[in-house]
C-alpha atoms as a PDB file:
ATOM      1  CA  UNK A   1      21.063  28.486   0.596  1.00  0.00           C
ATOM      2  CA  UNK A   2      24.748  27.798   0.037  1.00  0.00           C
ATOM      3  CA  UNK A   3      26.930  30.601  -1.268  1.00  0.00           C
ATOM      4  CA  UNK A   4      29.266  30.532  -4.254  1.00  0.00           C
ATOM      5  CA  UNK A   5      32.168  30.192  -1.822  1.00  0.00           C
ATOM      6  CA  UNK A   6      31.562  26.459  -2.014  1.00  0.00           C
ATOM      7  CA  UNK A   7      32.344  26.308  -5.743  1.00  0.00           C
ATOM      8  CA  UNK A   8      34.658  23.460  -6.564  1.00  0.00           C
ATOM      9  CA  UNK A   9      34.247  21.853  -3.137  1.00  0.00           C
ATOM     10  CA  UNK A  10      32.700  18.441  -2.478  1.00  0.00           C
ATOM     11  CA  UNK A  11      29.395  18.256  -0.642  1.00  0.00           C
ATOM     12  CA  UNK A  12      29.515  17.593   3.064  1.00  0.00           C
ATOM     13  CA  UNK A  13      28.590  14.134   4.303  1.00  0.00           C
ATOM     14  CA  UNK A  14      25.213  15.229   5.656  1.00  0.00           C
ATOM     15  CA  UNK A  15      24.166  17.472   2.785  1.00  0.00           C
ATOM     16  CA  UNK A  16      22.038  16.547  -0.199  1.00  0.00           C
ATOM     17  CA  UNK A  17      23.570  17.473  -3.536  1.00  0.00           C
ATOM     18  CA  UNK A  18      21.784  17.909  -6.833  1.00  0.00           C
ATOM     19  CA  UNK A  19      24.356  17.332  -9.520  1.00  0.00           C
ATOM     20  CA  UNK A  20      24.066  17.694 -13.285  1.00  0.00           C
ATOM     21  CA  UNK A  21      26.139  15.131 -15.126  1.00  0.00           C
ATOM     22  CA  UNK A  22      28.440  16.659 -17.720  1.00  0.00           C
ATOM     23  CA  UNK A  23      30.493  14.553 -20.149  1.00  0.00           C
ATOM     24  CA  UNK A  24      29.569  11.838 -22.589  1.00  0.00           C
ATOM     25  CA  UNK A  25      31.872   9.119 -21.256  1.00  0.00           C
ATOM     26  CA  UNK A  26      29.386   8.169 -18.532  1.00  0.00           C
ATOM     27  CA  UNK A  27      26.878   6.222 -20.585  1.00  0.00           C
ATOM     28  CA  UNK A  28      26.819   3.392 -23.050  1.00  0.00           C
ATOM     29  CA  UNK A  29      27.539   4.320 -26.641  1.00  0.00           C
ATOM     30  CA  UNK A  30      24.014   4.980 -27.864  1.00  0.00           C
ATOM     31  CA  UNK A  31      23.128   8.355 -29.341  1.00  0.00           C
ATOM     32  CA  UNK A  32      19.845   8.613 -27.472  1.00  0.00           C
ATOM     33  CA  UNK A  33      21.537   7.943 -24.144  1.00  0.00           C
ATOM     34  CA  UNK A  34      24.271  10.476 -24.794  1.00  0.00           C
ATOM     35  CA  UNK A  35      21.742  13.193 -25.561  1.00  0.00           C
ATOM     36  CA  UNK A  36      19.735  12.405 -22.440  1.00  0.00           C
ATOM     37  CA  UNK A  37      22.848  12.864 -20.311  1.00  0.00           C
ATOM     38  CA  UNK A  38      22.547  16.650 -20.227  1.00  0.00           C
ATOM     39  CA  UNK A  39      19.100  16.266 -18.658  1.00  0.00           C
ATOM     40  CA  UNK A  40      20.235  13.890 -15.922  1.00  0.00           C
ATOM     41  CA  UNK A  41      21.050  15.191 -12.438  1.00  0.00           C
ATOM     42  CA  UNK A  42      22.451  13.458  -9.393  1.00  0.00           C
ATOM     43  CA  UNK A  43      21.138  13.948  -5.849  1.00  0.00           C
ATOM     44  CA  UNK A  44      23.439  12.708  -3.123  1.00  0.00           C
ATOM     45  CA  UNK A  45      23.156  12.577   0.646  1.00  0.00           C
ATOM     46  CA  UNK A  46      24.424  10.596   3.602  1.00  0.00           C
ATOM     47  CA  UNK A  47      21.094   8.742   3.519  1.00  0.00           C
ATOM     48  CA  UNK A  48      20.704   7.802  -0.172  1.00  0.00           C
ATOM     49  CA  UNK A  49      21.616   8.724  -3.727  1.00  0.00           C
ATOM     50  CA  UNK A  50      18.971   9.746  -6.251  1.00  0.00           C
ATOM     51  CA  UNK A  51      18.645  10.821  -9.863  1.00  0.00           C
ATOM     52  CA  UNK A  52      16.820  13.957 -10.995  1.00  0.00           C
ATOM     53  CA  UNK A  53      15.572  14.647 -14.530  1.00  0.00           C
ATOM     54  CA  UNK A  54      15.302  18.102 -16.072  1.00  0.00           C
ATOM     55  CA  UNK A  55      11.780  18.322 -17.550  1.00  0.00           C
ATOM     56  CA  UNK A  56      11.591  22.103 -18.080  1.00  0.00           C
ATOM     57  CA  UNK A  57      14.228  24.873 -18.092  1.00  0.00           C
ATOM     58  CA  UNK A  58      13.836  25.451 -14.330  1.00  0.00           C
ATOM     59  CA  UNK A  59      12.284  22.204 -13.130  1.00  0.00           C
ATOM     60  CA  UNK A  60      13.815  18.905 -12.029  1.00  0.00           C
ATOM     61  CA  UNK A  61      11.600  15.862 -11.445  1.00  0.00           C
ATOM     62  CA  UNK A  62      12.614  13.175  -8.972  1.00  0.00           C
ATOM     63  CA  UNK A  63      11.094  10.853  -6.358  1.00  0.00           C
ATOM     64  CA  UNK A  64       9.521  12.211  -3.181  1.00  0.00           C
ATOM     65  CA  UNK A  65      11.389   9.672  -1.060  1.00  0.00           C
ATOM     66  CA  UNK A  66      14.597  11.535  -2.014  1.00  0.00           C
ATOM     67  CA  UNK A  67      13.591  14.632  -0.037  1.00  0.00           C
ATOM     68  CA  UNK A  68      15.901  16.026   2.623  1.00  0.00           C
ATOM     69  CA  UNK A  69      15.567  19.540   4.063  1.00  0.00           C
ATOM     70  CA  UNK A  70      19.188  20.555   3.367  1.00  0.00           C
ATOM     71  CA  UNK A  71      19.665  20.549  -0.401  1.00  0.00           C
ATOM     72  CA  UNK A  72      22.698  21.532  -2.458  1.00  0.00           C
ATOM     73  CA  UNK A  73      22.239  22.056  -6.184  1.00  0.00           C
ATOM     74  CA  UNK A  74      25.487  21.474  -8.045  1.00  0.00           C
ATOM     75  CA  UNK A  75      26.306  21.491 -11.746  1.00  0.00           C
ATOM     76  CA  UNK A  76      28.675  18.564 -12.069  1.00  0.00           C
ATOM     77  CA  UNK A  77      31.920  18.157 -14.000  1.00  0.00           C
ATOM     78  CA  UNK A  78      32.756  15.180 -16.222  1.00  0.00           C
ATOM     79  CA  UNK A  79      33.787  12.743 -13.497  1.00  0.00           C
ATOM     80  CA  UNK A  80      31.932   9.438 -13.520  1.00  0.00           C
ATOM     81  CA  UNK A  81      32.621   8.732  -9.858  1.00  0.00           C
ATOM     82  CA  UNK A  82      29.917   9.861  -7.451  1.00  0.00           C
ATOM     83  CA  UNK A  83      32.539  10.776  -4.857  1.00  0.00           C
ATOM     84  CA  UNK A  84      34.122  13.407  -7.132  1.00  0.00           C
ATOM     85  CA  UNK A  85      31.695  16.267  -6.517  1.00  0.00           C
ATOM     86  CA  UNK A  86      33.222  19.342  -8.116  1.00  0.00           C
ATOM     87  CA  UNK A  87      31.146  21.971  -9.808  1.00  0.00           C
ATOM     88  CA  UNK A  88      29.111  25.128  -9.502  1.00  0.00           C
ATOM     89  CA  UNK A  89      26.527  25.322  -6.756  1.00  0.00           C
ATOM     90  CA  UNK A  90      23.268  26.618  -8.204  1.00  0.00           C
ATOM     91  CA  UNK A  91      20.508  28.401  -6.266  1.00  0.00           C
ATOM     92  CA  UNK A  92      17.035  26.918  -6.139  1.00  0.00           C
ATOM     93  CA  UNK A  93      13.709  28.456  -5.200  1.00  0.00           C
ATOM     94  CA  UNK A  94      11.557  25.656  -3.856  1.00  0.00           C
ATOM     95  CA  UNK A  95      10.916  21.948  -3.471  1.00  0.00           C
ATOM     96  CA  UNK A  96       7.384  20.655  -4.025  1.00  0.00           C
ATOM     97  CA  UNK A  97       6.530  17.144  -2.843  1.00  0.00           C
ATOM     98  CA  UNK A  98       3.340  15.577  -4.186  1.00  0.00           C
ATOM     99  CA  UNK A  99       0.642  16.493  -1.640  1.00  0.00           C
ATOM    100  CA  UNK A 100      -0.577  12.909  -1.282  1.00  0.00           C
ATOM    101  CA  UNK A 101       2.819  11.313  -0.701  1.00  0.00           C
ATOM    102  CA  UNK A 102       3.504   9.764   2.707  1.00  0.00           C
ATOM    103  CA  UNK A 103       6.697   8.213   4.047  1.00  0.00           C
ATOM    104  CA  UNK A 104       4.882   4.940   4.737  1.00  0.00           C
ATOM    105  CA  UNK A 105       3.882   4.229   1.124  1.00  0.00           C
ATOM    106  CA  UNK A 106       5.535   4.475  -2.326  1.00  0.00           C
ATOM    107  CA  UNK A 107       2.313   5.826  -3.820  1.00  0.00           C
ATOM    108  CA  UNK A 108       2.535   9.366  -5.295  1.00  0.00           C
ATOM    109  CA  UNK A 109       6.323   9.143  -5.044  1.00  0.00           C
ATOM    110  CA  UNK A 110       7.118  12.353  -6.959  1.00  0.00           C
ATOM    111  CA  UNK A 111       8.835  15.634  -6.180  1.00  0.00           C
ATOM    112  CA  UNK A 112       9.648  18.756  -8.201  1.00  0.00           C
ATOM    113  CA  UNK A 113      12.599  21.090  -7.612  1.00  0.00           C
ATOM    114  CA  UNK A 114      12.485  24.606  -9.061  1.00  0.00           C
ATOM    115  CA  UNK A 115      15.889  26.022  -9.949  1.00  0.00           C
ATOM    116  CA  UNK A 116      16.481  29.761  -9.687  1.00  0.00           C
ATOM    117  CA  UNK A 117      18.291  29.899 -13.016  1.00  0.00           C
ATOM    118  CA  UNK A 118      16.883  28.225 -16.156  1.00  0.00           C
ATOM    119  CA  UNK A 119      18.990  25.909 -18.305  1.00  0.00           C
ATOM    120  CA  UNK A 120      19.049  27.482 -21.767  1.00  0.00           C
ATOM    121  CA  UNK A 121      19.967  24.234 -23.536  1.00  0.00           C
ATOM    122  CA  UNK A 122      16.663  22.612 -22.582  1.00  0.00           C
ATOM    123  CA  UNK A 123      14.613  21.336 -25.526  1.00  0.00           C
ATOM    124  CA  UNK A 124      11.355  19.405 -25.553  1.00  0.00           C
ATOM    125  CA  UNK A 125      12.587  17.640 -28.687  1.00  0.00           C
ATOM    126  CA  UNK A 126      14.742  15.373 -26.512  1.00  0.00           C
ATOM    127  CA  UNK A 127      11.835  13.744 -24.666  1.00  0.00           C
ATOM    128  CA  UNK A 128       8.403  14.769 -23.473  1.00  0.00           C
ATOM    129  CA  UNK A 129       6.020  13.910 -20.687  1.00  0.00           C
ATOM    130  CA  UNK A 130       3.872  10.909 -21.626  1.00  0.00           C
ATOM    131  CA  UNK A 131       0.868  11.346 -23.877  1.00  0.00           C
ATOM    132  CA  UNK A 132      -0.151   7.672 -23.751  1.00  0.00           C
ATOM    133  CA  UNK A 133      -0.011   5.162 -20.913  1.00  0.00           C
ATOM    134  CA  UNK A 134       2.795   2.606 -21.355  1.00  0.00           C
ATOM    135  CA  UNK A 135       2.553   2.703 -25.143  1.00  0.00           C
ATOM    136  CA  UNK A 136       6.164   1.599 -25.797  1.00  0.00           C
ATOM    137  CA  UNK A 137       7.621  -1.688 -24.596  1.00  0.00           C
ATOM    138  CA  UNK A 138      11.380  -0.982 -24.757  1.00  0.00           C
ATOM    139  CA  UNK A 139      12.802   1.756 -22.543  1.00  0.00           C
ATOM    140  CA  UNK A 140      16.119   3.289 -21.556  1.00  0.00           C
ATOM    141  CA  UNK A 141      16.864   3.673 -17.854  1.00  0.00           C
ATOM    142  CA  UNK A 142      19.642   6.130 -16.991  1.00  0.00           C
ATOM    143  CA  UNK A 143      21.182   5.810 -13.540  1.00  0.00           C
ATOM    144  CA  UNK A 144      24.364   5.553 -11.559  1.00  0.00           C
ATOM    145  CA  UNK A 145      25.091   1.941 -10.611  1.00  0.00           C
ATOM    146  CA  UNK A 146      27.056   1.413  -7.426  1.00  0.00           C
ATOM    147  CA  UNK A 147      28.915  -1.866  -7.910  1.00  0.00           C
ATOM    148  CA  UNK A 148      31.495  -3.893  -5.997  1.00  0.00           C
ATOM    149  CA  UNK A 149      34.493  -5.620  -7.526  1.00  0.00           C
ATOM    150  CA  UNK A 150      35.851  -9.027  -6.528  1.00  0.00           C
ATOM    151  CA  UNK A 151      37.780  -7.612  -3.547  1.00  0.00           C
ATOM    152  CA  UNK A 152      34.852  -5.583  -2.265  1.00  0.00           C
ATOM    153  CA  UNK A 153      35.750  -2.091  -3.478  1.00  0.00           C
ATOM    154  CA  UNK A 154      32.783   0.096  -4.439  1.00  0.00           C
ATOM    155  CA  UNK A 155      32.522   1.855  -7.795  1.00  0.00           C
ATOM    156  CA  UNK A 156      29.865   4.189  -9.184  1.00  0.00           C
ATOM    157  CA  UNK A 157      29.270   4.784 -12.875  1.00  0.00           C
ATOM    158  CA  UNK A 158      26.462   6.327 -14.863  1.00  0.00           C
ATOM    159  CA  UNK A 159      24.999   3.802 -17.287  1.00  0.00           C
ATOM    160  CA  UNK A 160      22.119   3.420 -19.690  1.00  0.00           C
ATOM    161  CA  UNK A 161      20.290   0.119 -19.325  1.00  0.00           C
ATOM    162  CA  UNK A 162      17.817  -1.136 -21.898  1.00  0.00           C
ATOM    163  CA  UNK A 163      14.792  -2.624 -20.165  1.00  0.00           C
ATOM    164  CA  UNK A 164      11.515  -4.166 -21.241  1.00  0.00           C
ATOM    165  CA  UNK A 165       8.202  -3.074 -19.861  1.00  0.00           C
ATOM    166  CA  UNK A 166       6.287  -5.784 -18.031  1.00  0.00           C
ATOM    167  CA  UNK A 167       2.648  -4.857 -18.358  1.00  0.00           C
ATOM    168  CA  UNK A 168       0.819  -4.720 -15.071  1.00  0.00           C
ATOM    169  CA  UNK A 169      -0.759  -8.161 -15.423  1.00  0.00           C
ATOM    170  CA  UNK A 170       2.728  -9.673 -15.179  1.00  0.00           C
ATOM    171  CA  UNK A 171       3.758  -7.214 -12.486  1.00  0.00           C
ATOM    172  CA  UNK A 172       0.799  -8.186 -10.331  1.00  0.00           C
ATOM    173  CA  UNK A 173       1.693 -11.848 -10.688  1.00  0.00           C
ATOM    174  CA  UNK A 174       5.270 -11.188  -9.578  1.00  0.00           C
ATOM    175  CA  UNK A 175       4.787  -8.480  -6.957  1.00  0.00           C
ATOM    176  CA  UNK A 176       1.218  -8.966  -5.763  1.00  0.00           C
ATOM    177  CA  UNK A 177      -0.098  -6.203  -3.512  1.00  0.00           C
ATOM    178  CA  UNK A 178       3.279  -4.433  -3.554  1.00  0.00           C
ATOM    179  CA  UNK A 179       2.411  -3.061  -6.987  1.00  0.00           C
ATOM    180  CA  UNK A 180       0.089  -0.132  -6.384  1.00  0.00           C
ATOM    181  CA  UNK A 181      -2.081   1.854  -8.748  1.00  0.00           C
ATOM    182  CA  UNK A 182      -0.163   4.246 -11.014  1.00  0.00           C
ATOM    183  CA  UNK A 183       2.946   2.063 -10.995  1.00  0.00           C
ATOM    184  CA  UNK A 184       4.556  -0.159 -13.608  1.00  0.00           C
ATOM    185  CA  UNK A 185       7.482  -2.543 -13.483  1.00  0.00           C
ATOM    186  CA  UNK A 186      10.319  -3.574 -15.774  1.00  0.00           C
ATOM    187  CA  UNK A 187      12.496  -6.624 -16.076  1.00  0.00           C
ATOM    188  CA  UNK A 188      15.878  -5.370 -17.312  1.00  0.00           C
ATOM    189  CA  UNK A 189      18.311  -7.131 -19.618  1.00  0.00           C
ATOM    190  CA  UNK A 190      20.563  -9.482 -17.675  1.00  0.00           C
ATOM    191  CA  UNK A 191      24.091  -8.262 -17.052  1.00  0.00           C
ATOM    192  CA  UNK A 192      27.337  -9.730 -15.777  1.00  0.00           C
ATOM    193  CA  UNK A 193      27.784  -7.884 -12.483  1.00  0.00           C
ATOM    194  CA  UNK A 194      26.713  -9.730  -9.362  1.00  0.00           C
ATOM    195  CA  UNK A 195      26.439  -6.965  -6.787  1.00  0.00           C
ATOM    196  CA  UNK A 196      25.183  -3.473  -7.353  1.00  0.00           C
ATOM    197  CA  UNK A 197      22.885  -0.843  -5.921  1.00  0.00           C
ATOM    198  CA  UNK A 198      20.720   1.258  -8.198  1.00  0.00           C
ATOM    199  CA  UNK A 199      20.724   5.004  -7.600  1.00  0.00           C
ATOM    200  CA  UNK A 200      16.995   5.483  -7.188  1.00  0.00           C
ATOM    201  CA  UNK A 201      14.577   7.879  -8.937  1.00  0.00           C
ATOM    202  CA  UNK A 202      16.116   7.028 -12.311  1.00  0.00           C
ATOM    203  CA  UNK A 203      14.044   8.046 -15.358  1.00  0.00           C
ATOM    204  CA  UNK A 204      12.524   5.509 -17.752  1.00  0.00           C
ATOM    205  CA  UNK A 205      12.495   7.016 -21.253  1.00  0.00           C
ATOM    206  CA  UNK A 206      10.365   5.040 -23.677  1.00  0.00           C
ATOM    207  CA  UNK A 207       9.854   6.061 -27.288  1.00  0.00           C
ATOM    208  CA  UNK A 208      10.912   9.647 -26.649  1.00  0.00           C
ATOM    209  CA  UNK A 209       8.650  10.037 -23.620  1.00  0.00           C
ATOM    210  CA  UNK A 210       9.525  10.149 -19.937  1.00  0.00           C
ATOM    211  CA  UNK A 211       7.203   7.383 -18.777  1.00  0.00           C
ATOM    212  CA  UNK A 212       8.340   6.777 -15.221  1.00  0.00           C
ATOM    213  CA  UNK A 213      10.538   7.617 -12.229  1.00  0.00           C
ATOM    214  CA  UNK A 214      12.084   4.685 -10.383  1.00  0.00           C
ATOM    215  CA  UNK A 215      10.448   4.271  -6.987  1.00  0.00           C
ATOM    216  CA  UNK A 216      11.826   0.972  -5.700  1.00  0.00           C
ATOM    217  CA  UNK A 217      13.492  -2.236  -6.850  1.00  0.00           C
ATOM    218  CA  UNK A 218      13.941  -5.814  -5.709  1.00  0.00           C
ATOM    219  CA  UNK A 219      17.681  -5.912  -6.398  1.00  0.00           C
ATOM    220  CA  UNK A 220      20.335  -5.008  -8.934  1.00  0.00           C
ATOM    221  CA  UNK A 221      19.054  -3.666 -12.237  1.00  0.00           C
ATOM    222  CA  UNK A 222      21.902  -5.437 -14.054  1.00  0.00           C
ATOM    223  CA  UNK A 223      21.040  -8.928 -12.881  1.00  0.00           C
ATOM    224  CA  UNK A 224      17.438  -9.204 -13.939  1.00  0.00           C
ATOM    225  CA  UNK A 225      15.607  -8.038 -10.842  1.00  0.00           C
ATOM    226  CA  UNK A 226      12.332  -6.168 -11.072  1.00  0.00           C
ATOM    227  CA  UNK A 227      12.330  -2.375 -10.870  1.00  0.00           C
ATOM    228  CA  UNK A 228       9.134  -0.454 -10.121  1.00  0.00           C
ATOM    229  CA  UNK A 229       8.375   3.023 -11.460  1.00  0.00           C
ATOM    230  CA  UNK A 230       5.835   5.701 -10.686  1.00  0.00           C
ATOM    231  CA  UNK A 231       3.736   5.904 -13.861  1.00  0.00           C
ATOM    232  CA  UNK A 232       3.927   9.559 -14.889  1.00  0.00           C
ATOM    233  CA  UNK A 233       0.964   9.454 -17.268  1.00  0.00           C
ATOM    234  CA  UNK A 234      -1.487   9.890 -14.401  1.00  0.00           C
ATOM    235  CA  UNK A 235       0.543  12.756 -12.919  1.00  0.00           C
ATOM    236  CA  UNK A 236       1.007  14.910 -16.026  1.00  0.00           C
ATOM    237  CA  UNK A 237      -1.802  17.342 -15.021  1.00  0.00           C
ATOM    238  CA  UNK A 238      -0.224  17.846 -11.571  1.00  0.00           C
ATOM    239  CA  UNK A 239       3.265  18.335 -13.039  1.00  0.00           C
ATOM    240  CA  UNK A 240       2.100  20.810 -15.680  1.00  0.00           C
ATOM    241  CA  UNK A 241       0.033  22.738 -13.147  1.00  0.00           C
ATOM    242  CA  UNK A 242       3.012  23.126 -10.801  1.00  0.00           C
ATOM    243  CA  UNK A 243       5.318  24.244 -13.618  1.00  0.00           C
ATOM    244  CA  UNK A 244       2.836  26.795 -14.935  1.00  0.00           C
ATOM    245  CA  UNK A 245       1.693  28.253 -11.602  1.00  0.00           C
ATOM    246  CA  UNK A 246       4.644  27.982  -9.207  1.00  0.00           C
END
């Protein structure tokens, strides 16, 4: 575990950082998105960037494919740029990958991180784990989008994207056997940016419920590509059991 001597220092290139976004300028100007911001974390490593979502005072939910053995947990400042990692390093107790996840398949692509110190601002009034399966069509997806400008420079900014749920009949038609059980897909609203990379494991919040965690995508979320989520409804018993017993 990293010591507090690293406070205010950026993460090393080979470390994985769990970063809580702080500051309302990151997201589009919708009240729901601004409130969700406090619950959104950023995981960064030399291999990939991921999003984590605070679902209980000490528990962060993300995708299992984001796992790396060396993990830094950092409470982020208000910078929107992913390269500006400055904040307080927080201790964590454990990482629990879904027992049926394998690196060769996106099925069961979930992971829980238990923080050593609870976040006192947490409230279940913001959003809850799903009670119904894909009951709401319109969802908010919160993620950092890594884009390139016309001269090739990369930029990263946290955004809220409104997306529509494509029920699994349509998903199967588009994706075929790539769409596994306990997954759903979305076709996001078209945007104007041509090149971007989605920071994976983004949450899909639909009607006040956390319905999914982004597992994989076919391209940029801003240009109408399909994004595929792990459907959390089937995993609620596992999540609640881990939180209550671990």
